[in-house]
Structures are given as structure tokens and as C-alpha cells.
Amino acid sequence: MRSRHWQGLAAPPINLLSTLERVDDAIDANADIASEILAHGLSAFGLDSQPQGQNLDWRGTATLEDLSKACTTINQMYRDWSAEGYAERNVCNGPVLDDIDKIFGHVSDKARVRILVPGAGLARLVFDLCRRGFTTEGNEVSYHQLIASSWMLNHTQRPRQFKLYPFACNFNNVVSREHQLQAVEVPDIHPSTELEQTDGTTLAAVGDRMTMSASEFVTHYGDGAHHEVFDAVVTVFFIDTAPNVLRYIEVVRSCLKKGGAWINIGPLLWHFGDRASRNTPGTSESPISGNEAGIEEPGSVELTVEEVLLLIEQMGFAVEKHEIRDGAAGYIQNPASLLLNVYRLSHWIARKV
């Protein structure tokens, strides 16, 4: 850039150097949260923050994919654990919570109702279901999100403890620097305190009612130990993470008790749509090896909503309700941006028959 152009941007009224300093401060604030999560993760896995010996040194081993997942995890706290993110998460979680209340509202001892939430992410829906009195198990394959959710639930000390700048690093489609550098405070509620006020107990006391499993959904829940265990399975922005959605349907059905409810809401942004199949479809019935099960299963198939619903009915469910919700659903979206990527959501309730 020419010197006179740069000087013009650095001077009032643009003050670009000042803006970059504010962005740097925002990144530092986000890094404070990341450091807290890292310290918790190291402690949870029994690792030293200052490792001695090459074989024990975890520093400098993160890949670009790890860094991307870490950034997404930090920013997802805006969606799941800030007051400002309520509108975005409620578009998805609100209908699910309403469905659960309608289906199980008549049950006097709600702790006897067992709910599974695959793809639980930062565990806000798991927490909100537990807060309603249900026994809820979240499942998540990403260790980035598992460590962050554990930190959020167990190690934050008060509401609005940390400032988070979810949009600080996005310089595209920005109307105002104030939008880009908007701070939110997380968590919006203190989980343990909230449970004590609404449920008369503490987070530690409900350890048997709120759990998380660190595993891939198909490989973990497709075994005999989880056969007909749950009264409901809730999938939010989840089924399109399957390379083969038929396996998800099989495992959901296996997990559910007879008459159990499968509640789904989300788009169909098939995550593995660009992955070439390693086998010609339909040419082999050989069993898939352990390291190729679940999300590692070869190939990919992308179905329509109509086709998914037909499969669900064909594979042992009765669809009680289905709608395409027209309310715009974003995902970690700056509502003031010039570009808003939003989804229409497929929402259904199906019963195992």
C-alpha cells in the first residue's frame, strides 16, 4: 500500500491502527478464556503445564484443524452460553424443550425419564433438560468441545465472569467496528447456582442425572449395553454429520425404548458430501472395521428431507409430526452483519414402533 494511503487510514476519522489495537485486545480476552480451558484440560488428563521430556511435551503439536476447532469452540460460547446468543439457540432448542415438556409433562418423577443428546457440543441443551428434572446424557466426539463444556459447567464461578468477542476476527461484511468488536459476557447463568435455585440441589448432586460421553455416536451407542435404554433421543443440527444416515437411524432406534420419542430439528448440510466413496455402493457386504465405523465409514450419501422421513418410517418409526420451520436460524451469526447465512429447519417427532 502506498505510504500516503496508509497514513490516511491511520489518521482520524478512520483510525485503523487504533482499530487493530482494539482487535488485538479482543483476541487477548478470548485467549484468557482459552487459557482457562487449557488449564482445565491439562488437569483433567493429568498433563503438566510445563512438561519435562520430549515424549510428554504436548506443546506445539496442534494442527491447523485443531486451531480452527479451538476458535470455533470459543466462538460457540456466544451461541450457547451468552444472553445475546439466546435468540439464535432458542430457534433450535426452544421447540425441542417444548416437545419434551408436552411428551413427558405428565410424569411426576421426571428423573426417571432418560434423554440422550448426540452431538451435544457445549452441553447447553443437556443442561437445560437436566434443569427441567430429566436424566440427560450428552454425547460428543470433539475433545475441544468436551473440555470446554466441562470447564463451563464445573469451573466457572459466577454469571458473566468472562468477556468474549465472538466476531473480532471477522473483517468481512461489517457495518460498524462496534459490531465487530461487540463483547458478550459468559456464562449468562452460573450452572451450579441455577440448578440450586430451580431444582433445590447443586451441580455435583445431580451427577447421576447429567452426564457426558466422549465418543463417536454410532460406535458407542450401537452396542448391546445401550439397547432400549432411553425414553427420548434429541438430535439438534446433528443428523447431517452422518456419512451414512441409515446407521444413525439404526442406532437411534436401538437406543430407544419401545414407544420412545425421537425429536429432531436442523438442516441437511451433509458434512461428508464431498468425500469420495472408497467402495462402489452396494458391491460389498463385508463388515466395516472398527476404525471405519461411524463418521469414519467410507463414502457418503446425501438424501432429501422427504427421503429421510421415508427411511425413518421404513426402519421402524411412526412419524407423528413434521414441519419445515421458516424462522431464520443462524449458527454463530453476527446479527448485524451484511451477510446472514440462515437455515430453514426440518423438525419432527417420531416414535419407535
Protein backbone atom coordinates (compact mmCIF):
# COMPACT_ATOMS: atom_id res chain seq x y z
CA MET A 1 0.00 0.00 0.00
CA ARG A 2 1.26 3.47 -0.80
CA SER A 3 2.52 5.45 2.17
CA ARG A 4 0.01 8.30 1.76
CA HIS A 5 -2.84 5.79 1.64
CA TRP A 6 -1.69 4.07 4.80
CA GLN A 7 -1.24 7.40 6.57
CA GLY A 8 -4.76 8.38 5.58
CA LEU A 9 -6.18 5.17 7.03
CA ALA A 10 -4.18 5.54 10.23
CA ALA A 11 -5.33 9.13 10.82
CA PRO A 12 -8.78 10.30 12.00
CA PRO A 13 -11.54 9.63 11.29
CA ILE A 14 -10.66 6.05 10.22
CA ASN A 15 -8.02 5.38 12.89
CA LEU A 16 -7.21 1.93 11.54
CA LEU A 17 -4.22 1.47 13.85
CA SER A 18 -6.47 2.07 16.83
CA THR A 19 -8.93 -0.46 15.46
CA LEU A 20 -6.21 -3.07 15.11
CA GLU A 21 -5.15 -2.43 18.68
CA ARG A 22 -8.75 -2.99 19.83
CA VAL A 23 -8.89 -6.21 17.82
CA ASP A 24 -5.65 -7.33 19.45
CA ASP A 25 -7.13 -6.62 22.91
CA ALA A 26 -10.23 -8.61 21.98
CA ILE A 27 -8.09 -11.56 20.87
CA ASP A 28 -6.25 -11.38 24.20
CA ALA A 29 -9.58 -11.52 26.07
CA ASN A 30 -10.62 -14.59 24.08
CA ALA A 31 -7.19 -16.10 24.77
CA ASP A 32 -7.82 -15.68 28.51
CA ILE A 33 -10.84 -17.97 28.15
CA ALA A 34 -8.81 -20.41 26.05
CA SER A 35 -6.08 -20.47 28.70
CA GLU A 36 -8.62 -21.29 31.41
CA ILE A 37 -9.98 -24.16 29.31
CA LEU A 38 -6.46 -25.40 28.56
CA ALA A 39 -5.55 -25.44 32.24
CA HIS A 40 -8.69 -27.44 33.00
CA GLY A 41 -7.98 -29.87 30.16
CA LEU A 42 -4.39 -30.45 31.23
CA SER A 43 -5.53 -31.13 34.78
CA ALA A 44 -8.30 -33.47 33.60
CA PHE A 45 -5.85 -35.53 31.56
CA GLY A 46 -3.08 -35.43 34.17
CA LEU A 47 -0.70 -33.44 31.97
CA ASP A 48 1.89 -30.96 33.21
CA SER A 49 1.63 -27.36 32.01
CA GLN A 50 5.45 -27.32 31.81
CA PRO A 51 6.22 -30.86 30.62
CA GLN A 52 9.68 -32.33 31.08
CA GLY A 53 10.90 -34.75 28.46
CA GLN A 54 10.21 -34.93 24.75
CA ASN A 55 7.73 -37.81 24.97
CA LEU A 56 5.49 -35.85 27.36
CA ASP A 57 5.66 -32.49 25.61
CA TRP A 58 2.24 -31.61 24.19
CA ARG A 59 3.28 -28.07 23.21
CA GLY A 60 3.47 -27.24 19.54
CA THR A 61 1.58 -30.36 18.46
CA ALA A 62 -1.69 -28.65 17.48
CA THR A 63 -2.60 -28.90 13.79
CA LEU A 64 -4.32 -26.22 11.74
CA GLU A 65 -7.52 -28.25 12.13
CA ASP A 66 -7.08 -28.19 15.91
CA LEU A 67 -6.66 -24.41 15.85
CA SER A 68 -9.77 -24.00 13.71
CA LYS A 69 -11.80 -26.21 16.06
CA ALA A 70 -10.50 -24.33 19.09
CA CYS A 71 -11.54 -20.97 17.58
CA THR A 72 -14.98 -22.33 16.69
CA THR A 73 -15.41 -23.73 20.20
CA ILE A 74 -14.58 -20.38 21.80
CA ASN A 75 -16.96 -18.54 19.47
CA GLN A 76 -19.71 -21.10 20.06
CA MET A 77 -19.91 -19.89 23.65
CA TYR A 78 -21.66 -16.86 22.18
CA ARG A 79 -24.42 -19.12 20.87
CA ASP A 80 -24.74 -21.47 23.84
CA TRP A 81 -23.71 -19.54 26.93
CA SER A 82 -24.43 -15.83 26.42
CA ALA A 83 -27.61 -13.80 26.83
CA GLU A 84 -27.02 -12.30 23.39
CA GLY A 85 -26.97 -15.79 21.84
CA TYR A 86 -30.34 -16.74 23.32
CA ALA A 87 -32.37 -15.83 20.23
CA GLU A 88 -30.12 -17.93 17.99
CA ARG A 89 -30.09 -21.04 20.18
CA ASN A 90 -33.77 -20.76 21.12
CA VAL A 91 -34.81 -21.15 17.48
CA CYS A 92 -33.46 -24.71 17.79
CA ASN A 93 -33.60 -25.59 21.47
CA GLY A 94 -36.94 -23.93 22.21
CA PRO A 95 -39.08 -26.30 20.09
CA VAL A 96 -37.22 -29.31 21.49
CA LEU A 97 -37.80 -28.24 25.10
CA ASP A 98 -41.48 -27.62 24.30
CA ASP A 99 -41.76 -31.08 22.73
CA ILE A 100 -40.16 -32.76 25.74
CA ASP A 101 -42.46 -30.90 28.13
CA LYS A 102 -45.53 -31.94 26.14
CA ILE A 103 -44.49 -35.59 25.86
CA PHE A 104 -43.31 -36.07 29.45
CA GLY A 105 -45.09 -33.27 31.30
CA HIS A 106 -47.46 -35.78 32.92
CA VAL A 107 -44.59 -37.75 34.51
CA SER A 108 -44.39 -36.94 38.21
CA ASP A 109 -40.82 -38.20 38.70
CA LYS A 110 -39.04 -36.67 35.72
CA ALA A 111 -35.69 -38.10 36.84
CA ARG A 112 -36.97 -41.47 35.61
CA VAL A 113 -37.15 -40.10 32.06
CA ARG A 114 -33.81 -40.73 30.30
CA ILE A 115 -32.89 -38.50 27.36
CA LEU A 116 -29.89 -38.83 25.02
CA VAL A 117 -28.48 -35.80 23.17
CA PRO A 118 -25.97 -36.85 20.48
CA GLY A 119 -23.73 -34.06 19.19
CA ALA A 120 -24.19 -32.18 22.46
CA GLY A 121 -21.49 -29.58 21.72
CA LEU A 122 -21.07 -27.22 24.67
CA ALA A 123 -23.87 -29.01 26.56
CA ARG A 124 -26.35 -26.13 26.91
CA LEU A 125 -29.31 -28.27 25.79
CA VAL A 126 -28.12 -31.08 28.08
CA PHE A 127 -28.03 -28.63 30.97
CA ASP A 128 -31.44 -27.12 30.17
CA LEU A 129 -33.06 -30.57 30.01
CA CYS A 130 -31.44 -31.55 33.31
CA ARG A 131 -32.63 -28.28 34.83
CA ARG A 132 -36.18 -29.38 33.97
CA GLY A 133 -35.61 -32.51 36.07
CA PHE A 134 -34.86 -35.09 33.36
CA THR A 135 -31.95 -37.53 33.43
CA THR A 136 -29.92 -36.40 30.43
CA GLU A 137 -26.86 -37.85 28.74
CA GLY A 138 -24.92 -35.81 26.21
CA ASN A 139 -22.64 -37.37 23.64
CA GLU A 140 -19.85 -35.53 21.85
CA VAL A 141 -16.92 -36.70 19.74
CA SER A 142 -14.93 -33.43 19.74
CA TYR A 143 -12.49 -33.20 22.63
CA HIS A 144 -12.28 -29.45 22.03
CA GLN A 145 -15.96 -29.11 22.88
CA LEU A 146 -15.94 -31.75 25.61
CA ILE A 147 -13.18 -29.99 27.54
CA ALA A 148 -14.82 -26.58 27.04
CA SER A 149 -18.25 -27.80 28.16
CA SER A 150 -16.76 -29.47 31.24
CA TRP A 151 -14.98 -26.23 32.13
CA MET A 152 -18.15 -24.18 31.60
CA LEU A 153 -20.32 -26.47 33.71
CA ASN A 154 -17.90 -27.23 36.51
CA HIS A 155 -15.28 -24.50 36.77
CA THR A 156 -16.88 -21.13 36.07
CA GLN A 157 -17.51 -19.27 39.30
CA ARG A 158 -20.26 -16.76 38.57
CA PRO A 159 -22.51 -15.41 35.81
CA ARG A 160 -20.92 -13.05 33.27
CA GLN A 161 -17.44 -13.96 34.52
CA PHE A 162 -15.63 -13.55 31.19
CA LYS A 163 -15.84 -11.14 28.27
CA LEU A 164 -15.94 -12.83 24.88
CA TYR A 165 -15.51 -11.16 21.49
CA PRO A 166 -17.08 -13.67 19.07
CA PHE A 167 -16.74 -11.59 15.90
CA ALA A 168 -13.41 -9.82 16.50
CA CYS A 169 -11.50 -11.66 13.77
CA ASN A 170 -14.11 -11.26 11.05
CA PHE A 171 -13.41 -8.23 8.85
CA ASN A 172 -15.94 -9.06 6.12
CA ASN A 173 -19.45 -7.60 5.70
CA VAL A 174 -19.02 -5.37 8.76
CA VAL A 175 -21.29 -2.33 9.10
CA SER A 176 -19.55 -0.87 12.13
CA ARG A 177 -16.44 -1.64 14.16
CA GLU A 178 -18.71 -1.66 17.20
CA HIS A 179 -20.49 -4.64 15.69
CA GLN A 180 -17.20 -6.41 15.00
CA LEU A 181 -15.88 -5.67 18.50
CA GLN A 182 -19.07 -6.40 20.38
CA ALA A 183 -18.36 -8.03 23.73
CA VAL A 184 -20.66 -10.57 25.34
CA GLU A 185 -20.34 -11.98 28.83
CA VAL A 186 -20.21 -15.70 29.51
CA PRO A 187 -21.71 -17.67 31.05
CA ASP A 188 -25.09 -15.93 31.06
CA ILE A 189 -26.01 -18.07 34.08
CA HIS A 190 -23.92 -19.91 36.63
CA PRO A 191 -24.85 -23.58 36.12
CA SER A 192 -24.49 -24.76 39.71
CA THR A 193 -26.27 -21.74 41.15
CA GLU A 194 -29.07 -22.04 38.61
CA LEU A 195 -29.66 -25.69 39.49
CA GLU A 196 -29.68 -24.88 43.19
CA GLN A 197 -32.29 -22.16 42.67
CA THR A 198 -34.58 -24.09 40.30
CA ASP A 199 -34.07 -27.70 41.42
CA GLY A 200 -33.10 -27.27 45.06
CA THR A 201 -29.81 -29.06 44.51
CA THR A 202 -26.29 -28.45 43.22
CA LEU A 203 -24.48 -29.45 40.06
CA ALA A 204 -22.43 -32.01 41.97
CA ALA A 205 -25.58 -33.54 43.45
CA VAL A 206 -27.10 -34.19 40.02
CA GLY A 207 -24.06 -36.02 38.69
CA ASP A 208 -26.17 -39.12 38.11
CA ARG A 209 -28.77 -37.07 36.17
CA MET A 210 -26.43 -35.15 33.86
CA THR A 211 -23.58 -36.97 32.16
CA MET A 212 -21.45 -36.63 29.02
CA SER A 213 -19.88 -39.42 26.98
CA ALA A 214 -16.73 -38.80 24.94
CA SER A 215 -17.20 -40.99 21.91
CA GLU A 216 -18.46 -41.35 18.37
CA PHE A 217 -22.23 -41.85 18.44
CA VAL A 218 -22.54 -44.98 16.26
CA THR A 219 -19.61 -46.89 17.75
CA HIS A 220 -20.57 -46.09 21.36
CA TYR A 221 -24.36 -46.43 21.33
CA GLY A 222 -24.66 -49.16 18.72
CA ASP A 223 -23.76 -51.86 21.21
CA GLY A 224 -25.97 -54.09 23.35
CA ALA A 225 -25.27 -52.13 26.52
CA HIS A 226 -27.36 -49.21 25.25
CA HIS A 227 -30.21 -51.22 23.73
CA GLU A 228 -33.62 -49.76 24.67
CA VAL A 229 -32.17 -47.55 27.41
CA PHE A 230 -33.59 -44.10 26.56
CA ASP A 231 -37.10 -42.66 26.59
CA ALA A 232 -36.14 -39.95 24.09
CA VAL A 233 -33.32 -39.11 21.72
CA VAL A 234 -32.90 -35.46 20.75
CA THR A 235 -30.87 -34.52 17.66
CA VAL A 236 -30.22 -30.82 17.01
CA PHE A 237 -28.10 -29.88 13.98
CA PHE A 238 -26.82 -33.46 14.08
CA ILE A 239 -28.13 -35.97 11.54
CA ASP A 240 -26.31 -34.31 8.63
CA THR A 241 -22.99 -35.16 10.31
CA ALA A 242 -23.51 -38.78 9.18
CA PRO A 243 -21.76 -40.13 6.10
CA ASN A 244 -24.46 -42.83 6.14
CA VAL A 245 -27.62 -41.57 7.83
CA LEU A 246 -29.07 -45.10 7.86
CA ARG A 247 -26.56 -46.01 10.57
CA TYR A 248 -27.73 -43.08 12.67
CA ILE A 249 -31.35 -44.19 12.24
CA GLU A 250 -30.48 -47.76 13.24
CA VAL A 251 -28.61 -46.66 16.35
CA VAL A 252 -31.28 -44.15 17.43
CA ARG A 253 -33.91 -46.89 17.13
CA SER A 254 -31.75 -49.36 19.06
CA CYS A 255 -31.20 -46.86 21.90
CA LEU A 256 -34.89 -46.04 22.31
CA LYS A 257 -37.37 -47.97 24.39
CA LYS A 258 -40.45 -49.15 22.55
CA GLY A 259 -42.69 -46.12 22.13
CA GLY A 260 -39.75 -43.79 22.79
CA ALA A 261 -39.60 -40.43 21.02
CA TRP A 262 -37.04 -39.18 18.52
CA ILE A 263 -37.11 -35.39 18.30
CA ASN A 264 -35.07 -33.80 15.52
CA ILE A 265 -34.51 -30.24 14.39
CA GLY A 266 -31.91 -28.99 11.96
CA PRO A 267 -30.88 -28.59 8.32
CA LEU A 268 -29.37 -31.15 5.96
CA LEU A 269 -25.93 -29.69 5.30
CA TRP A 270 -24.33 -33.05 4.69
CA HIS A 271 -20.83 -32.83 6.15
CA PHE A 272 -19.27 -35.55 4.02
CA GLY A 273 -20.88 -34.70 0.70
CA ASP A 274 -17.55 -34.03 -1.00
CA ARG A 275 -15.89 -37.22 0.22
CA ALA A 276 -15.39 -39.82 -2.48
CA SER A 277 -16.53 -43.32 -1.67
CA ARG A 278 -13.77 -45.88 -1.32
CA ASN A 279 -16.16 -48.64 -2.41
CA THR A 280 -18.75 -48.91 -5.14
CA PRO A 281 -22.17 -48.66 -3.43
CA GLY A 282 -23.92 -51.96 -2.98
CA THR A 283 -20.98 -54.15 -4.06
CA SER A 284 -19.83 -55.39 -0.67
CA GLU A 285 -21.46 -56.74 2.47
CA SER A 286 -18.17 -57.16 4.31
CA PRO A 287 -18.19 -55.80 7.86
CA ILE A 288 -16.73 -52.37 8.46
CA SER A 289 -13.63 -52.39 10.62
CA GLY A 290 -13.62 -50.61 13.97
CA ASN A 291 -11.63 -47.66 12.69
CA GLU A 292 -14.06 -47.19 9.76
CA ALA A 293 -17.29 -47.16 11.76
CA GLY A 294 -19.47 -44.12 12.42
CA ILE A 295 -18.13 -40.89 10.94
CA GLU A 296 -15.15 -42.81 9.54
CA GLU A 297 -17.40 -45.05 7.45
CA PRO A 298 -16.34 -44.93 3.79
CA GLY A 299 -18.31 -42.88 1.28
CA SER A 300 -21.28 -40.62 1.75
CA VAL A 301 -24.93 -40.43 0.76
CA GLU A 302 -26.92 -37.17 0.67
CA LEU A 303 -30.69 -37.53 0.97
CA THR A 304 -33.60 -35.09 0.91
CA VAL A 305 -35.85 -34.43 3.89
CA GLU A 306 -38.62 -36.45 2.21
CA GLU A 307 -36.27 -39.38 1.68
CA VAL A 308 -35.02 -39.29 5.27
CA LEU A 309 -38.59 -39.36 6.57
CA LEU A 310 -39.46 -42.28 4.30
CA LEU A 311 -36.45 -44.18 5.61
CA ILE A 312 -37.38 -43.44 9.21
CA GLU A 313 -40.85 -44.93 8.70
CA GLN A 314 -39.41 -47.88 6.77
CA MET A 315 -36.91 -48.59 9.56
CA GLY A 316 -39.35 -48.84 12.45
CA PHE A 317 -40.65 -45.39 13.37
CA ALA A 318 -44.02 -43.70 13.13
CA VAL A 319 -43.68 -40.00 12.28
CA GLU A 320 -46.16 -38.13 14.47
CA LYS A 321 -45.26 -34.62 13.38
CA HIS A 322 -43.16 -32.93 10.74
CA GLU A 323 -42.76 -29.30 9.76
CA ILE A 324 -40.32 -27.07 7.96
CA ARG A 325 -39.83 -24.15 10.32
CA ASP A 326 -39.49 -20.89 8.43
CA GLY A 327 -37.90 -18.93 11.25
CA ALA A 328 -34.39 -17.99 10.16
CA ALA A 329 -31.84 -20.00 12.14
CA GLY A 330 -28.25 -18.80 12.15
CA TYR A 331 -25.22 -20.53 13.60
CA ILE A 332 -22.72 -18.33 15.46
CA GLN A 333 -24.01 -15.49 13.31
CA ASN A 334 -23.41 -11.78 13.84
CA PRO A 335 -26.96 -10.42 13.53
CA ALA A 336 -25.61 -7.01 12.39
CA SER A 337 -23.59 -8.47 9.51
CA LEU A 338 -24.30 -7.59 5.87
CA LEU A 339 -24.23 -11.33 5.15
CA LEU A 340 -26.59 -13.59 7.11
CA ASN A 341 -26.37 -17.31 6.44
CA VAL A 342 -29.54 -18.80 7.87
CA TYR A 343 -31.29 -22.16 7.70
CA ARG A 344 -34.85 -23.37 7.47
CA LEU A 345 -35.15 -26.28 9.87
CA SER A 346 -36.68 -29.72 9.48
CA HIS A 347 -38.46 -30.52 12.75
CA TRP A 348 -40.04 -33.88 13.50
CA ILE A 349 -41.23 -36.16 16.28
CA ALA A 350 -41.10 -39.89 15.55
CA ARG A 351 -41.99 -42.82 17.80
CA LYS A 352 -40.32 -46.20 17.85
CA VAL A 353 -42.86 -48.87 16.96
